[in-house]
Amino acid sequence: MSRISHSVIVASVPRPWFEQAAVVLLDVLRGIRAEEGRVLLPDGRAIPGVRLVKGEHLAPGAVYEVEPEDERRQEPDRLRIVERRSGGDRAVRLEHVLGDEGTVTVLAGTLHTSARPVAAELHGSMAAVGRWASLRRAQGDARVDLRAWWEAAAGRRCNGTPFEARLEHRLAGATLWAVPRPHGDGRWEVRLVLSLRGRSLLRPVAAVGLLLFRGRLRQAFADTVDRMARVWNATVPETASQDKGRLRARILDAAASPPEETLL
């Protein structure tokens, strides 16, 4: 097993704004409807490349077709709602089938709420058919404990892990943790720790490889985190300055834009 870590300074997100943004986003999602197969936003604009082809909109069993961004692919992706739950713990489980490749991805997301969002979870698995199918299977999950995040971001002792993500493959596994702390001037210092490990018969081979290439892995990890931090710092401060009306308009514009023109 090998652990590498890296810290970045990023713009903070005010908690009141975040909770307000979550309400706006959920309100937009509740207002989406389907008419004659087209999936329409609350303002009447259609979401490009998405059609309801079976079942009732947002109900279990509903099937949507999504035009692939890659023009070389002939068949659309299919998205099926397996389960949907509302109330204190809003949850949705989706099955995503890639048209040309026979690859099935299952995603399950849950938002835990009381008077405000308290945690969010995402679980996913990928399975394939055909040759080498066992090597094309993986599963993972991620969880953000919003209470712990805000506690850590304010410099207080937190109960729980603010963010944790895991990825498991037949041959290897990885775990990522992230913890914020205040840095002053409306910024956070976020420390990310990545744990890598081999599995099964490749465990000793992976251990040697991680030892030999530890420096390169550390640099690649740092470069990736730094790049993400630059994108965050270039977009989040301006987004977090928007009131509810402007934020709602921006979400709608982004949803109505082709993927290559996304505005968020």
Foldseek 3Di string as FASTA:
>chain_A
DDKAKDKDKFFAFDPVLVQLLVVLVVVQVVQWAADPFFIATNVGFTQPQKGFDDDHPPAAQTKIWGQDPDPVDDGTKIKGWHDFDDDQKTKTKIWIAHDPFQKIKIKIKIFGHDPTTFKIKIKMWIFHDDPPRLQVIKIKMKMAGVQQQVCQQDVHHGDDFRIKMKMDHQFKIKMKGWHWYHDDPRMIIIMMMMDIATDDPCRVVVVVVCVVCVVVVNVVVNVVVVVVRVVNRVPVVVQSVDDSVVNSVLVNVQSNDPPVPRDD
